[in-house]
PDB file of N, CA and C in Angstrom:
ATOM      1  N   MET A   1      -9.642 -35.174  -4.384  1.00  0.00           N
ATOM      2  CA  MET A   1      -8.188 -36.163  -4.838  1.00  0.00           C
ATOM      3  C   MET A   1      -7.955 -35.588  -6.269  1.00  0.00           C
ATOM      4  N   TYR A   2      -7.027 -35.066  -6.444  1.00  0.00           N
ATOM      5  CA  TYR A   2      -6.639 -35.091  -8.351  1.00  0.00           C
ATOM      6  C   TYR A   2      -6.268 -36.107  -8.848  1.00  0.00           C
ATOM      7  N   THR A   3      -6.342 -36.124 -10.126  1.00  0.00           N
ATOM      8  CA  THR A   3      -4.994 -36.903 -10.746  1.00  0.00           C
ATOM      9  C   THR A   3      -4.595 -36.690 -12.047  1.00  0.00           C
ATOM     10  N   ASP A   4      -3.639 -36.639 -12.330  1.00  0.00           N
ATOM     11  CA  ASP A   4      -3.058 -35.989 -13.503  1.00  0.00           C
ATOM     12  C   ASP A   4      -3.896 -36.247 -15.033  1.00  0.00           C
ATOM     13  N   LYS A   5      -4.411 -35.569 -15.394  1.00  0.00           N
ATOM     14  CA  LYS A   5      -4.632 -35.403 -17.135  1.00  0.00           C
ATOM     15  C   LYS A   5      -4.659 -34.602 -18.120  1.00  0.00           C
ATOM     16  N   ILE A   6      -4.665 -36.184 -19.385  1.00  0.00           N
ATOM     17  CA  ILE A   6      -4.229 -35.502 -20.480  1.00  0.00           C
ATOM     18  C   ILE A   6      -4.268 -34.714 -21.531  1.00  0.00           C
ATOM     19  N   LEU A   7      -4.252 -33.751 -21.538  1.00  0.00           N
ATOM     20  CA  LEU A   7      -5.212 -32.124 -22.061  1.00  0.00           C
ATOM     21  C   LEU A   7      -4.360 -32.513 -23.641  1.00  0.00           C
ATOM     22  N   THR A   8      -4.734 -31.643 -24.977  1.00  0.00           N
ATOM     23  CA  THR A   8      -4.385 -31.534 -26.276  1.00  0.00           C
ATOM     24  C   THR A   8      -4.032 -30.012 -26.138  1.00  0.00           C
ATOM     25  N   CYS A   9      -2.754 -29.757 -26.415  1.00  0.00           N
ATOM     26  CA  CYS A   9      -3.141 -27.640 -26.944  1.00  0.00           C
ATOM     27  C   CYS A   9      -4.034 -27.492 -27.825  1.00  0.00           C
ATOM     28  N   ARG A  10      -4.498 -26.517 -27.991  1.00  0.00           N
ATOM     29  CA  ARG A  10      -5.489 -25.729 -28.969  1.00  0.00           C
ATOM     30  C   ARG A  10      -4.337 -25.610 -29.579  1.00  0.00           C
ATOM     31  N   GLU A  11      -2.823 -24.969 -29.812  1.00  0.00           N
ATOM     32  CA  GLU A  11      -2.202 -24.064 -30.563  1.00  0.00           C
ATOM     33  C   GLU A  11      -1.737 -25.446 -31.244  1.00  0.00           C
ATOM     34  N   CYS A  12      -1.100 -25.955 -30.494  1.00  0.00           N
ATOM     35  CA  CYS A  12      -0.236 -26.726 -31.755  1.00  0.00           C
ATOM     36  C   CYS A  12      -0.359 -28.429 -31.908  1.00  0.00           C
ATOM     37  N   GLY A  13      -1.496 -28.732 -30.904  1.00  0.00           N
ATOM     38  CA  GLY A  13      -2.433 -29.555 -30.631  1.00  0.00           C
ATOM     39  C   GLY A  13      -1.509 -31.126 -30.170  1.00  0.00           C
ATOM     40  N   VAL A  14      -0.326 -30.941 -29.374  1.00  0.00           N
ATOM     41  CA  VAL A  14       0.478 -32.079 -28.708  1.00  0.00           C
ATOM     42  C   VAL A  14      -0.304 -32.298 -27.183  1.00  0.00           C
ATOM     43  N   SER A  15      -0.087 -33.418 -26.852  1.00  0.00           N
ATOM     44  CA  SER A  15      -1.076 -33.494 -25.627  1.00  0.00           C
ATOM     45  C   SER A  15       0.288 -33.440 -24.644  1.00  0.00           C
ATOM     46  N   PHE A  16      -0.625 -32.739 -23.292  1.00  0.00           N
ATOM     47  CA  PHE A  16       0.620 -32.445 -21.982  1.00  0.00           C
ATOM     48  C   PHE A  16      -0.373 -32.832 -21.505  1.00  0.00           C
ATOM     49  N   THR A  17       0.584 -33.118 -19.868  1.00  0.00           N
ATOM     50  CA  THR A  17       0.118 -33.469 -19.009  1.00  0.00           C
ATOM     51  C   THR A  17      -0.558 -32.252 -18.122  1.00  0.00           C
ATOM     52  N   PHE A  18      -2.129 -32.494 -16.962  1.00  0.00           N
ATOM     53  CA  PHE A  18      -2.231 -31.041 -16.215  1.00  0.00           C
ATOM     54  C   PHE A  18      -2.248 -32.207 -14.915  1.00  0.00           C
ATOM     55  N   THR A  19      -0.705 -31.802 -14.390  1.00  0.00           N
ATOM     56  CA  THR A  19      -0.924 -32.907 -13.470  1.00  0.00           C
ATOM     57  C   THR A  19      -1.527 -32.303 -12.036  1.00  0.00           C
ATOM     58  N   ALA A  20      -1.497 -33.565 -11.004  1.00  0.00           N
ATOM     59  CA  ALA A  20      -2.508 -33.201 -10.170  1.00  0.00           C
ATOM     60  C   ALA A  20      -2.299 -31.820  -8.829  1.00  0.00           C
ATOM     61  N   GLY A  21      -1.028 -31.863  -8.914  1.00  0.00           N
ATOM     62  CA  GLY A  21      -0.441 -30.123  -8.375  1.00  0.00           C
ATOM     63  C   GLY A  21      -0.853 -28.982  -9.085  1.00  0.00           C
ATOM     64  N   GLU A  22      -0.866 -29.157 -10.174  1.00  0.00           N
ATOM     65  CA  GLU A  22      -1.368 -28.287 -11.142  1.00  0.00           C
ATOM     66  C   GLU A  22      -2.675 -27.881 -11.359  1.00  0.00           C
ATOM     67  N   GLN A  23      -3.405 -28.974 -10.453  1.00  0.00           N
ATOM     68  CA  GLN A  23      -5.079 -28.863 -10.926  1.00  0.00           C
ATOM     69  C   GLN A  23      -5.298 -28.272  -9.277  1.00  0.00           C
ATOM     70  N   GLU A  24      -4.657 -28.756  -8.060  1.00  0.00           N
ATOM     71  CA  GLU A  24      -4.245 -28.232  -6.956  1.00  0.00           C
ATOM     72  C   GLU A  24      -4.412 -26.739  -6.733  1.00  0.00           C
ATOM     73  N   PHE A  25      -3.078 -26.260  -7.611  1.00  0.00           N
ATOM     74  CA  PHE A  25      -2.588 -24.547  -7.899  1.00  0.00           C
ATOM     75  C   PHE A  25      -4.099 -24.124  -8.055  1.00  0.00           C
ATOM     76  N   TYR A  26      -4.509 -24.355  -9.303  1.00  0.00           N
ATOM     77  CA  TYR A  26      -5.813 -24.260 -10.476  1.00  0.00           C
ATOM     78  C   TYR A  26      -6.521 -23.727  -9.356  1.00  0.00           C
ATOM     79  N   ALA A  27      -6.523 -24.862  -8.439  1.00  0.00           N
ATOM     80  CA  ALA A  27      -8.423 -24.258  -7.912  1.00  0.00           C
ATOM     81  C   ALA A  27      -7.998 -23.383  -6.476  1.00  0.00           C
ATOM     82  N   SER A  28      -6.723 -23.372  -5.876  1.00  0.00           N
ATOM     83  CA  SER A  28      -6.637 -22.799  -5.091  1.00  0.00           C
ATOM     84  C   SER A  28      -6.420 -21.141  -5.544  1.00  0.00           C
ATOM     85  N   LYS A  29      -6.062 -20.780  -6.584  1.00  0.00           N
ATOM     86  CA  LYS A  29      -6.381 -19.313  -6.953  1.00  0.00           C
ATOM     87  C   LYS A  29      -7.558 -19.714  -7.573  1.00  0.00           C
ATOM     88  N   GLY A  30      -8.698 -20.333  -7.559  1.00  0.00           N
ATOM     89  CA  GLY A  30     -10.112 -20.553  -7.903  1.00  0.00           C
ATOM     90  C   GLY A  30      -9.790 -19.942  -9.634  1.00  0.00           C
ATOM     91  N   PHE A  31      -9.289 -20.982  -9.977  1.00  0.00           N
ATOM     92  CA  PHE A  31      -9.070 -20.826 -11.852  1.00  0.00           C
ATOM     93  C   PHE A  31      -9.838 -21.747 -11.615  1.00  0.00           C
ATOM     94  N   THR A  32     -11.403 -21.467 -12.729  1.00  0.00           N
ATOM     95  CA  THR A  32     -12.045 -22.695 -12.780  1.00  0.00           C
ATOM     96  C   THR A  32     -12.069 -24.025 -14.438  1.00  0.00           C
ATOM     97  N   ASN A  33     -11.089 -22.923 -14.510  1.00  0.00           N
ATOM     98  CA  ASN A  33     -10.988 -23.575 -16.424  1.00  0.00           C
ATOM     99  C   ASN A  33      -9.592 -23.795 -17.048  1.00  0.00           C
ATOM    100  N   GLU A  34      -9.321 -25.220 -17.450  1.00  0.00           N
ATOM    101  CA  GLU A  34      -8.003 -26.056 -17.180  1.00  0.00           C
ATOM    102  C   GLU A  34      -7.204 -24.775 -18.575  1.00  0.00           C
ATOM    103  N   PRO A  35      -6.528 -25.537 -18.476  1.00  0.00           N
ATOM    104  CA  PRO A  35      -5.110 -24.755 -19.079  1.00  0.00           C
ATOM    105  C   PRO A  35      -5.533 -25.445 -20.795  1.00  0.00           C
ATOM    106  N   SER A  36      -5.868 -24.349 -21.472  1.00  0.00           N
ATOM    107  CA  SER A  36      -5.903 -25.155 -23.307  1.00  0.00           C
ATOM    108  C   SER A  36      -4.527 -25.174 -23.963  1.00  0.00           C
ATOM    109  N   ARG A  37      -3.302 -24.675 -23.317  1.00  0.00           N
ATOM    110  CA  ARG A  37      -2.149 -24.559 -24.108  1.00  0.00           C
ATOM    111  C   ARG A  37      -1.188 -25.936 -23.210  1.00  0.00           C
ATOM    112  N   CYS A  38      -0.387 -26.132 -23.894  1.00  0.00           N
ATOM    113  CA  CYS A  38       0.982 -26.397 -23.758  1.00  0.00           C
ATOM    114  C   CYS A  38       1.957 -25.461 -22.952  1.00  0.00           C
ATOM    115  N   ALA A  39       2.422 -25.933 -21.706  1.00  0.00           N
ATOM    116  CA  ALA A  39       3.511 -24.194 -21.600  1.00  0.00           C
ATOM    117  C   ALA A  39       4.411 -23.996 -22.511  1.00  0.00           C
ATOM    118  N   GLU A  40       4.662 -24.912 -23.186  1.00  0.00           N
ATOM    119  CA  GLU A  40       5.778 -24.018 -24.384  1.00  0.00           C
ATOM    120  C   GLU A  40       5.244 -22.980 -24.936  1.00  0.00           C
ATOM    121  N   CYS A  41       3.477 -23.521 -25.640  1.00  0.00           N
ATOM    122  CA  CYS A  41       3.125 -22.140 -26.198  1.00  0.00           C
ATOM    123  C   CYS A  41       2.345 -20.755 -25.245  1.00  0.00           C
ATOM    124  N   ARG A  42       2.007 -21.920 -24.032  1.00  0.00           N
ATOM    125  CA  ARG A  42       1.885 -20.422 -23.424  1.00  0.00           C
ATOM    126  C   ARG A  42       2.854 -19.696 -22.751  1.00  0.00           C
ATOM    127  N   SER A  43       4.396 -19.934 -22.370  1.00  0.00           N
ATOM    128  CA  SER A  43       5.333 -19.347 -22.719  1.00  0.00           C
ATOM    129  C   SER A  43       5.772 -18.242 -23.661  1.00  0.00           C
ATOM    130  N   ALA A  44       5.965 -18.898 -25.166  1.00  0.00           N
ATOM    131  CA  ALA A  44       5.435 -18.326 -26.213  1.00  0.00           C
ATOM    132  C   ALA A  44       4.363 -17.382 -26.730  1.00  0.00           C
ATOM    133  N   ARG A  45       3.500 -17.560 -26.228  1.00  0.00           N
ATOM    134  CA  ARG A  45       2.052 -16.757 -25.817  1.00  0.00           C
ATOM    135  C   ARG A  45       2.724 -15.431 -25.297  1.00  0.00           C
ATOM    136  N   ASN A  46       2.767 -15.381 -24.249  1.00  0.00           N
ATOM    137  CA  ASN A  46       4.069 -14.547 -23.637  1.00  0.00           C
ATOM    138  C   ASN A  46       4.148 -13.757 -23.930  1.00  0.00           C
ATOM    139  N   ARG A  47       5.605 -14.210 -24.387  1.00  0.00           N
ATOM    140  CA  ARG A  47       6.239 -13.770 -25.131  1.00  0.00           C
ATOM    141  C   ARG A  47       5.694 -12.887 -25.950  1.00  0.00           C
ATOM    142  N   ASP A  48       5.109 -13.160 -27.539  1.00  0.00           N
ATOM    143  CA  ASP A  48       4.316 -12.708 -28.397  1.00  0.00           C
ATOM    144  C   ASP A  48       4.455 -11.318 -27.712  1.00  0.00           C
ATOM    145  N   ARG A  49       3.079 -11.827 -26.478  1.00  0.00           N
ATOM    146  CA  ARG A  49       2.111 -10.812 -25.942  1.00  0.00           C
ATOM    147  C   ARG A  49       2.980  -9.320 -25.192  1.00  0.00           C
ATOM    148  N   GLY A  50       4.043  -9.844 -24.395  1.00  0.00           N
ATOM    149  CA  GLY A  50       5.142  -8.776 -23.960  1.00  0.00           C
ATOM    150  C   GLY A  50       4.397  -9.253 -22.056  1.00  0.00           C
ATOM    151  N   GLY A  51       3.516 -10.391 -21.871  1.00  0.00           N
ATOM    152  CA  GLY A  51       3.887 -10.348 -21.069  1.00  0.00           C
ATOM    153  C   GLY A  51       3.844 -10.816 -20.087  1.00  0.00           C
ATOM    154  N   TYR A  52       3.613 -11.010 -18.665  1.00  0.00           N
ATOM    155  CA  TYR A  52       4.588 -11.308 -17.558  1.00  0.00           C
ATOM    156  C   TYR A  52       3.339 -12.234 -16.880  1.00  0.00           C
ATOM    157  N   SER A  53       3.397 -13.693 -16.135  1.00  0.00           N
ATOM    158  CA  SER A  53       2.283 -13.874 -15.779  1.00  0.00           C
ATOM    159  C   SER A  53       2.588 -14.226 -14.371  1.00  0.00           C
ATOM    160  N   GLY A  54       3.484 -14.361 -13.534  1.00  0.00           N
ATOM    161  CA  GLY A  54       3.618 -14.751 -12.667  1.00  0.00           C
ATOM    162  C   GLY A  54       5.255 -15.158 -12.393  1.00  0.00           C
ATOM    163  N   GLY A  55       5.120 -16.175 -11.267  1.00  0.00           N
ATOM    164  CA  GLY A  55       5.847 -17.000 -10.225  1.00  0.00           C
ATOM    165  C   GLY A  55       7.746 -16.461 -11.951  1.00  0.00           C
ATOM    166  N   GLY A  56       8.624 -16.951 -12.060  1.00  0.00           N
ATOM    167  CA  GLY A  56       9.585 -16.762 -12.466  1.00  0.00           C
ATOM    168  C   GLY A  56      10.264 -18.125 -12.799  1.00  0.00           C
ATOM    169  N   GLY A  57       8.719 -18.637 -12.668  1.00  0.00           N
ATOM    170  CA  GLY A  57       8.832 -19.921 -14.488  1.00  0.00           C
ATOM    171  C   GLY A  57       8.427 -21.553 -13.041  1.00  0.00           C
ATOM    172  N   GLY A  58       9.096 -22.319 -13.918  1.00  0.00           N
ATOM    173  CA  GLY A  58       9.189 -23.994 -12.424  1.00  0.00           C
ATOM    174  C   GLY A  58       7.712 -24.217 -12.592  1.00  0.00           C
ATOM    175  N   GLY A  59       8.182 -25.295 -11.924  1.00  0.00           N
ATOM    176  CA  GLY A  59       6.338 -25.720 -11.717  1.00  0.00           C
ATOM    177  C   GLY A  59       5.503 -25.653 -12.741  1.00  0.00           C
ATOM    178  N   GLY A  60       6.395 -26.192 -13.989  1.00  0.00           N
ATOM    179  CA  GLY A  60       4.849 -25.700 -15.298  1.00  0.00           C
ATOM    180  C   GLY A  60       4.350 -25.095 -15.178  1.00  0.00           C
ATOM    181  N   TYR A  61       4.273 -23.657 -14.490  1.00  0.00           N
ATOM    182  CA  TYR A  61       3.562 -23.181 -14.657  1.00  0.00           C
ATOM    183  C   TYR A  61       3.479 -21.613 -15.762  1.00  0.00           C
ATOM    184  N   GLY A  62       3.787 -22.210 -16.717  1.00  0.00           N
ATOM    185  CA  GLY A  62       4.352 -20.862 -17.533  1.00  0.00           C
ATOM    186  C   GLY A  62       5.120 -20.865 -17.880  1.00  0.00           C
ATOM    187  N   GLY A  63       6.434 -20.806 -17.331  1.00  0.00           N
ATOM    188  CA  GLY A  63       8.101 -20.438 -17.142  1.00  0.00           C
ATOM    189  C   GLY A  63       8.677 -20.809 -18.119  1.00  0.00           C
ATOM    190  N   GLY A  64       9.808 -20.228 -18.755  1.00  0.00           N
ATOM    191  CA  GLY A  64       9.776 -20.139 -20.091  1.00  0.00           C
ATOM    192  C   GLY A  64      10.745 -18.609 -20.311  1.00  0.00           C
ATOM    193  N   TYR A  65       9.465 -17.737 -20.100  1.00  0.00           N
ATOM    194  CA  TYR A  65       9.441 -16.826 -20.224  1.00  0.00           C
ATOM    195  C   TYR A  65      10.703 -15.654 -19.606  1.00  0.00           C
ATOM    196  N   GLU A  66      11.215 -14.574 -20.367  1.00  0.00           N
ATOM    197  CA  GLU A  66      11.697 -13.219 -19.727  1.00  0.00           C
ATOM    198  C   GLU A  66      11.247 -12.788 -18.873  1.00  0.00           C
ATOM    199  N   ARG A  67      11.372 -11.649 -18.452  1.00  0.00           N
ATOM    200  CA  ARG A  67      11.119 -10.513 -17.612  1.00  0.00           C
ATOM    201  C   ARG A  67      11.692  -9.435 -18.528  1.00  0.00           C
ATOM    202  N   ARG A  68      10.930  -8.210 -18.779  1.00  0.00           N
ATOM    203  CA  ARG A  68      11.402  -7.144 -19.799  1.00  0.00           C
ATOM    204  C   ARG A  68      11.948  -6.117 -18.578  1.00  0.00           C
ATOM    205  N   GLU A  69      13.368  -5.693 -20.009  1.00  0.00           N
ATOM    206  CA  GLU A  69      14.045  -4.445 -19.321  1.00  0.00           C
ATOM    207  C   GLU A  69      13.424  -3.508 -18.441  1.00  0.00           C
ATOM    208  N   ARG A  70      13.160  -2.965 -17.643  1.00  0.00           N
ATOM    209  CA  ARG A  70      12.364  -1.581 -17.169  1.00  0.00           C
ATOM    210  C   ARG A  70      13.122  -0.346 -17.819  1.00  0.00           C
ATOM    211  N   GLN A  71      12.615   0.602 -18.632  1.00  0.00           N
ATOM    212  CA  GLN A  71      12.981   1.568 -19.287  1.00  0.00           C
ATOM    213  C   GLN A  71      13.020   2.351 -17.687  1.00  0.00           C
ATOM    214  N   MET A  72      14.235   2.964 -18.128  1.00  0.00           N
ATOM    215  CA  MET A  72      14.808   4.018 -17.414  1.00  0.00           C
ATOM    216  C   MET A  72      15.283   5.587 -17.757  1.00  0.00           C
ATOM    217  N   PHE A  73      14.668   6.564 -17.089  1.00  0.00           N
ATOM    218  CA  PHE A  73      15.094   8.073 -17.390  1.00  0.00           C
ATOM    219  C   PHE A  73      16.181   8.975 -16.691  1.00  0.00           C
ATOM    220  N   PRO A  74      16.417   9.210 -17.218  1.00  0.00           N
ATOM    221  CA  PRO A  74      17.790  10.623 -17.002  1.00  0.00           C
ATOM    222  C   PRO A  74      16.969  11.529 -16.021  1.00  0.00           C
ATOM    223  N   ALA A  75      17.260  11.915 -14.829  1.00  0.00           N
ATOM    224  CA  ALA A  75      16.818  12.726 -13.933  1.00  0.00           C
ATOM    225  C   ALA A  75      18.123  13.160 -13.006  1.00  0.00           C
ATOM    226  N   VAL A  76      17.752  14.752 -12.477  1.00  0.00           N
ATOM    227  CA  VAL A  76      18.451  15.315 -11.142  1.00  0.00           C
ATOM    228  C   VAL A  76      17.578  15.622  -9.751  1.00  0.00           C
ATOM    229  N   CYS A  77      17.843  14.715  -9.090  1.00  0.00           N
ATOM    230  CA  CYS A  77      17.298  14.803  -7.608  1.00  0.00           C
ATOM    231  C   CYS A  77      17.252  15.682  -7.433  1.00  0.00           C
ATOM    232  N   SER A  78      16.327  16.487  -6.963  1.00  0.00           N
ATOM    233  CA  SER A  78      15.689  17.495  -6.522  1.00  0.00           C
ATOM    234  C   SER A  78      16.116  18.252  -5.420  1.00  0.00           C
ATOM    235  N   ASN A  79      16.838  17.136  -4.235  1.00  0.00           N
ATOM    236  CA  ASN A  79      17.479  17.045  -3.034  1.00  0.00           C
ATOM    237  C   ASN A  79      18.492  17.867  -3.100  1.00  0.00           C
ATOM    238  N   CYS A  80      19.396  16.895  -3.994  1.00  0.00           N
ATOM    239  CA  CYS A  80      20.693  16.815  -3.646  1.00  0.00           C
ATOM    240  C   CYS A  80      21.143  17.177  -4.609  1.00  0.00           C
ATOM    241  N   GLY A  81      20.739  17.236  -6.340  1.00  0.00           N
ATOM    242  CA  GLY A  81      21.280  17.302  -7.292  1.00  0.00           C
ATOM    243  C   GLY A  81      22.156  16.880  -7.822  1.00  0.00           C
ATOM    244  N   LYS A  82      21.885  15.356  -7.077  1.00  0.00           N
ATOM    245  CA  LYS A  82      22.863  14.071  -8.080  1.00  0.00           C
ATOM    246  C   LYS A  82      21.860  13.746  -8.833  1.00  0.00           C
ATOM    247  N   GLU A  83      23.109  13.900 -10.487  1.00  0.00           N
ATOM    248  CA  GLU A  83      22.047  12.641 -11.650  1.00  0.00           C
ATOM    249  C   GLU A  83      22.076  11.428 -11.069  1.00  0.00           C
ATOM    250  N   THR A  84      20.848  10.890 -11.619  1.00  0.00           N
ATOM    251  CA  THR A  84      20.309   9.269 -10.813  1.00  0.00           C
ATOM    252  C   THR A  84      19.504   9.090 -11.837  1.00  0.00           C
ATOM    253  N   GLU A  85      18.879   8.064 -12.654  1.00  0.00           N
ATOM    254  CA  GLU A  85      17.678   7.168 -13.118  1.00  0.00           C
ATOM    255  C   GLU A  85      16.809   7.070 -12.487  1.00  0.00           C
ATOM    256  N   VAL A  86      15.203   6.928 -12.978  1.00  0.00           N
ATOM    257  CA  VAL A  86      14.270   6.975 -12.374  1.00  0.00           C
ATOM    258  C   VAL A  86      13.258   6.309 -13.613  1.00  0.00           C
ATOM    259  N   PRO A  87      12.243   5.262 -12.827  1.00  0.00           N
ATOM    260  CA  PRO A  87      11.756   4.642 -14.131  1.00  0.00           C
ATOM    261  C   PRO A  87       9.961   5.153 -14.492  1.00  0.00           C
ATOM    262  N   PHE A  88      10.257   6.502 -14.566  1.00  0.00           N
ATOM    263  CA  PHE A  88       9.157   7.212 -14.788  1.00  0.00           C
ATOM    264  C   PHE A  88       9.414   8.079 -15.274  1.00  0.00           C
ATOM    265  N   GLN A  89       8.681   8.707 -16.599  1.00  0.00           N
ATOM    266  CA  GLN A  89       9.225  10.098 -16.931  1.00  0.00           C
ATOM    267  C   GLN A  89       8.720  11.333 -16.365  1.00  0.00           C
ATOM    268  N   PRO A  90      10.204  11.133 -15.515  1.00  0.00           N
ATOM    269  CA  PRO A  90      10.324  12.702 -14.930  1.00  0.00           C
ATOM    270  C   PRO A  90       8.683  14.278 -15.498  1.00  0.00           C
ATOM    271  N   ARG A  91       8.500  14.642 -14.214  1.00  0.00           N
ATOM    272  CA  ARG A  91       7.754  15.884 -15.207  1.00  0.00           C
ATOM    273  C   ARG A  91       8.336  17.424 -14.400  1.00  0.00           C
ATOM    274  N   GLU A  92       8.328  18.140 -14.452  1.00  0.00           N
ATOM    275  CA  GLU A  92       8.580  19.612 -14.288  1.00  0.00           C
ATOM    276  C   GLU A  92       8.176  19.969 -13.114  1.00  0.00           C
ATOM    277  N   ASP A  93       6.911  19.629 -12.606  1.00  0.00           N
ATOM    278  CA  ASP A  93       6.063  20.107 -11.720  1.00  0.00           C
ATOM    279  C   ASP A  93       6.006  18.628 -10.779  1.00  0.00           C
ATOM    280  N   ARG A  94       6.894  17.736 -10.504  1.00  0.00           N
ATOM    281  CA  ARG A  94       6.787  16.858  -8.985  1.00  0.00           C
ATOM    282  C   ARG A  94       8.221  16.719  -9.127  1.00  0.00           C
ATOM    283  N   PRO A  95       8.917  16.592  -7.958  1.00  0.00           N
ATOM    284  CA  PRO A  95      10.057  16.516  -7.162  1.00  0.00           C
ATOM    285  C   PRO A  95      10.559  14.927  -7.975  1.00  0.00           C
ATOM    286  N   VAL A  96      11.927  14.494  -8.065  1.00  0.00           N
ATOM    287  CA  VAL A  96      12.760  13.692  -8.496  1.00  0.00           C
ATOM    288  C   VAL A  96      13.547  13.596  -7.534  1.00  0.00           C
ATOM    289  N   TYR A  97      13.653  12.277  -7.175  1.00  0.00           N
ATOM    290  CA  TYR A  97      14.631  11.965  -5.767  1.00  0.00           C
ATOM    291  C   TYR A  97      15.967  10.808  -6.053  1.00  0.00           C
ATOM    292  N   CYS A  98      17.151  10.895  -5.794  1.00  0.00           N
ATOM    293  CA  CYS A  98      17.494   9.534  -5.880  1.00  0.00           C
ATOM    294  C   CYS A  98      17.394   8.198  -4.960  1.00  0.00           C
ATOM    295  N   SER A  99      17.867   7.835  -5.317  1.00  0.00           N
ATOM    296  CA  SER A  99      17.465   6.385  -4.504  1.00  0.00           C
ATOM    297  C   SER A  99      17.407   6.721  -2.445  1.00  0.00           C
ATOM    298  N   GLU A 100      18.881   7.434  -2.625  1.00  0.00           N
ATOM    299  CA  GLU A 100      19.496   7.555  -1.611  1.00  0.00           C
ATOM    300  C   GLU A 100      18.335   8.975  -0.513  1.00  0.00           C
ATOM    301  N   CYS A 101      17.790  10.201  -1.220  1.00  0.00           N
ATOM    302  CA  CYS A 101      16.561  10.796  -0.778  1.00  0.00           C
ATOM    303  C   CYS A 101      16.084  10.534  -0.487  1.00  0.00           C
ATOM    304  N   PHE A 102      15.552   9.423  -1.878  1.00  0.00           N
ATOM    305  CA  PHE A 102      13.759   9.069  -1.876  1.00  0.00           C
ATOM    306  C   PHE A 102      13.548   8.280  -0.768  1.00  0.00           C
ATOM    307  N   GLU A 103      14.578   7.483   0.393  1.00  0.00           N
ATOM    308  CA  GLU A 103      14.263   6.900   1.371  1.00  0.00           C
ATOM    309  C   GLU A 103      13.388   7.771   2.204  1.00  0.00           C
ATOM    310  N   THR A 104      14.657   8.994   2.725  1.00  0.00           N
ATOM    311  CA  THR A 104      14.447  10.113   3.096  1.00  0.00           C
ATOM    312  C   THR A 104      13.005  10.852   3.161  1.00  0.00           C
ATOM    313  N   HIS A 105      12.617  10.948   1.779  1.00  0.00           N
ATOM    314  CA  HIS A 105      10.825  11.504   1.904  1.00  0.00           C
ATOM    315  C   HIS A 105      10.216  10.332   1.552  1.00  0.00           C
ATOM    316  N   ARG A 106      10.415   9.329   1.791  1.00  0.00           N
ATOM    317  CA  ARG A 106       9.454   8.191   1.357  1.00  0.00           C
ATOM    318  C   ARG A 106       8.444   8.690   2.651  1.00  0.00           C
ATOM    319  N   PRO A 107       6.544   8.393   2.208  1.00  0.00           N
ATOM    320  CA  PRO A 107       6.170   8.419   3.003  1.00  0.00           C
ATOM    321  C   PRO A 107       5.841   7.488   3.755  1.00  0.00           C
ATOM    322  N   ASP A 108       4.899   8.078   5.129  1.00  0.00           N
ATOM    323  CA  ASP A 108       5.234   6.527   6.170  1.00  0.00           C
ATOM    324  C   ASP A 108       4.408   5.355   5.357  1.00  0.00           C
ATOM    325  N   ARG A 109       4.378   4.266   6.210  1.00  0.00           N
ATOM    326  CA  ARG A 109       4.425   3.313   5.401  1.00  0.00           C
ATOM    327  C   ARG A 109       3.306   2.661   6.164  1.00  0.00           C
ATOM    328  N   SER A 110       3.184   2.782   7.636  1.00  0.00           N
ATOM    329  CA  SER A 110       2.182   2.384   8.071  1.00  0.00           C
ATOM    330  C   SER A 110       1.494   3.222   8.329  1.00  0.00           C
ATOM    331  N   ALA A 111       1.425   4.271   8.176  1.00  0.00           N
ATOM    332  CA  ALA A 111       0.448   5.772   8.279  1.00  0.00           C
ATOM    333  C   ALA A 111      -0.717   4.824   7.220  1.00  0.00           C
ATOM    334  N   PRO A 112      -2.048   5.448   7.602  1.00  0.00           N
ATOM    335  CA  PRO A 112      -3.427   4.882   6.565  1.00  0.00           C
ATOM    336  C   PRO A 112      -2.999   5.997   5.455  1.00  0.00           C
ATOM    337  N   SER A 113      -3.360   5.304   4.374  1.00  0.00           N
ATOM    338  CA  SER A 113      -3.846   5.775   2.781  1.00  0.00           C
ATOM    339  C   SER A 113      -5.010   6.306   2.814  1.00  0.00           C
ATOM    340  N   ARG A 114      -4.594   8.154   2.002  1.00  0.00           N
ATOM    341  CA  ARG A 114      -5.395   8.428   1.851  1.00  0.00           C
ATOM    342  C   ARG A 114      -5.874   8.345   0.142  1.00  0.00           C
ATOM    343  N   GLY A 115      -5.492   7.578  -0.199  1.00  0.00           N
ATOM    344  CA  GLY A 115      -6.070   6.896  -1.354  1.00  0.00           C
ATOM    345  C   GLY A 115      -4.828   7.994  -2.738  1.00  0.00           C
ATOM    346  N   GLY A 116      -4.138   8.369  -2.552  1.00  0.00           N
ATOM    347  CA  GLY A 116      -3.571   9.350  -3.395  1.00  0.00           C
ATOM    348  C   GLY A 116      -2.231   8.114  -4.261  1.00  0.00           C
ATOM    349  N   GLY A 117      -2.242   6.830  -4.464  1.00  0.00           N
ATOM    350  CA  GLY A 117      -1.662   6.478  -4.898  1.00  0.00           C
ATOM    351  C   GLY A 117      -0.191   6.436  -4.232  1.00  0.00           C
ATOM    352  N   ASN A 118       0.869   5.682  -5.049  1.00  0.00           N
ATOM    353  CA  ASN A 118       2.348   6.135  -4.844  1.00  0.00           C
ATOM    354  C   ASN A 118       2.671   7.345  -5.505  1.00  0.00           C
ATOM    355  N   ARG A 119       3.479   8.250  -4.409  1.00  0.00           N
ATOM    356  CA  ARG A 119       3.994   9.823  -5.001  1.00  0.00           C
ATOM    357  C   ARG A 119       5.774   9.434  -4.718  1.00  0.00           C
ATOM    358  N   TRP A 120       5.968   9.895  -5.959  1.00  0.00           N
ATOM    359  CA  TRP A 120       7.521   9.507  -5.916  1.00  0.00           C
ATOM    360  C   TRP A 120       7.776  11.450  -5.932  1.00  0.00           C
TER     361      TRP A 120
END
């Protein structure tokens, strides 16, 4: 059984509570170290590093950060010719599909993969 612990943030020196629920969560994920920063400093550190470390905030697990906007690139669908945007830099040697055509060209997800990764 876990009990709340009072820890000191190594960044700002403020005391914070490492709750029994947080300890249980850490243990369930296999984390062996206690947090060394308070939630506010963890959030600021993630923002500064441009990182995104999981769930949408709440529960005291490093919330308060924002997911960065995904960069989109203009493209012309290789199937229907419609102008679209895709989340990767298109290459001349690979087809690019709009979302509607992509659904019809998407590989069967139930078939076993041959290790080639995602193919757009």
